Protein backbone atom coordinates (compact mmCIF):
# COMPACT_ATOMS: atom_id res chain seq x y z
CA MET A 1 -84.76 246.83 13.38
CA LEU A 2 -83.61 243.88 11.30
CA ASP A 3 -80.13 243.98 12.82
CA PHE A 4 -81.77 243.81 16.24
CA ALA A 5 -83.94 240.85 15.18
CA VAL A 6 -80.88 239.03 13.84
CA LYS A 7 -78.96 239.68 17.07
CA LEU A 8 -81.93 238.46 19.13
CA THR A 9 -82.03 235.33 16.98
CA ARG A 10 -78.33 234.52 16.79
CA GLU A 11 -77.00 235.77 20.11
CA PRO A 12 -79.88 236.50 22.49
CA ALA A 13 -77.62 236.54 25.56
CA ASN A 14 -75.82 239.56 24.09
CA VAL A 15 -78.91 241.76 23.64
CA ARG A 16 -78.54 244.78 25.89
CA GLU A 17 -80.61 247.77 26.89
CA SER A 18 -78.45 249.82 24.52
CA ASP A 19 -79.83 247.75 21.63
CA VAL A 20 -83.36 248.76 22.61
CA GLU A 21 -82.27 252.37 23.05
CA GLU A 22 -80.87 252.30 19.52
CA LEU A 23 -84.31 251.27 18.22
CA ARG A 24 -85.89 254.12 20.16
CA GLY A 25 -83.33 256.44 18.61
CA LEU A 26 -84.50 255.32 15.18
CA GLY A 27 -88.02 256.38 16.12
CA LEU A 28 -89.61 253.08 17.14
CA SER A 29 -92.05 253.26 20.03
CA ASP A 30 -91.97 250.79 22.90
CA GLU A 31 -95.06 249.12 21.41
CA GLN A 32 -93.27 248.68 18.07
CA ILE A 33 -90.16 247.33 19.79
CA LEU A 34 -92.32 244.85 21.67
CA SER A 35 -93.83 243.81 18.33
CA VAL A 36 -90.36 243.29 16.85
CA VAL A 37 -89.35 241.13 19.82
CA GLY A 38 -92.61 239.16 19.79
CA ILE A 39 -92.55 238.53 16.05
CA THR A 40 -88.88 237.52 16.18
CA CYS A 41 -89.49 235.13 19.07
CA LEU A 42 -92.58 233.62 17.47
CA PHE A 43 -90.81 233.15 14.14
CA ASN A 44 -87.84 231.50 15.86
CA PHE A 45 -90.13 229.21 17.84
CA MET A 46 -92.17 228.19 14.81
CA ASN A 47 -89.07 227.74 12.67
CA ARG A 48 -87.44 225.46 15.24
CA LEU A 49 -90.66 223.54 15.73
CA ALA A 50 -91.01 222.96 11.99
CA GLU A 51 -87.32 222.11 11.55
CA GLY A 52 -87.38 219.80 14.55
CA LEU A 53 -90.37 217.92 13.18
CA GLY A 54 -89.21 217.97 9.56
CA VAL A 55 -92.14 220.08 8.37
CA ASP A 56 -91.84 221.71 4.94
CA MET A 57 -93.90 224.72 3.93
CA GLU A 58 -96.13 224.02 0.96
CA ALA A 59 -95.11 225.93 -2.18
CA ASP A 60 -98.42 227.83 -2.39
CA ARG A 61 -98.08 228.99 1.21
CA GLN A 62 -94.53 230.15 0.56
CA ARG A 63 -95.75 232.10 -2.47
CA ALA A 64 -98.51 233.64 -0.35
CA MET A 65 -95.99 234.72 2.30
CA ASP A 66 -93.67 236.17 -0.33
CA GLY A 67 -96.62 238.03 -1.83
CA TRP A 68 -97.60 239.47 1.57
CA VAL A 69 -94.10 240.77 2.25
CA THR A 70 -93.88 242.46 -1.14
CA GLY A 71 -97.53 243.56 -1.19
CA PRO A 72 -99.73 244.32 1.85
CA ALA A 73 -96.82 244.50 4.31
CA ARG A 74 -95.36 247.37 2.30
CA GLY A 75 -98.44 249.40 3.25
CA GLN A 76 -97.72 249.07 6.97
CA ASP A 77 -96.12 252.44 7.65
CA TRP A 78 -94.77 251.46 11.07
CA LEU A 79 -92.77 248.64 9.46
CA TRP A 80 -91.08 250.96 7.02
CA SER A 81 -91.11 254.42 8.62
CA PHE A 82 -87.81 253.90 10.42
CA LYS A 83 -86.08 253.25 7.09
CA ALA A 84 -86.49 256.81 5.85
CA SER A 85 -84.86 258.25 8.98
CA THR A 86 -82.07 255.69 8.77
CA VAL A 87 -81.38 256.30 5.10
CA ASN A 88 -81.78 260.06 5.23
CA GLY A 89 -80.35 260.66 8.67
């Protein structure tokens, strides 16, 4: 999933149907794949907007984001369920 998001970010013209099929093969549903694409696109848009305008994230907001990724986000099974099949399969 993360490799796909990186490819979509760095070389979007090279994303192919086979990339999506690989995600399906890892067990992601079409809805989850759409979420990955949407989140990646939104992050890229917001990042470029902030960089283009010279906006810095406040330290407390960065800490809050870091805390979410290592806390509540870990409880989102759909975010992590593919990892077990990838590691064990």
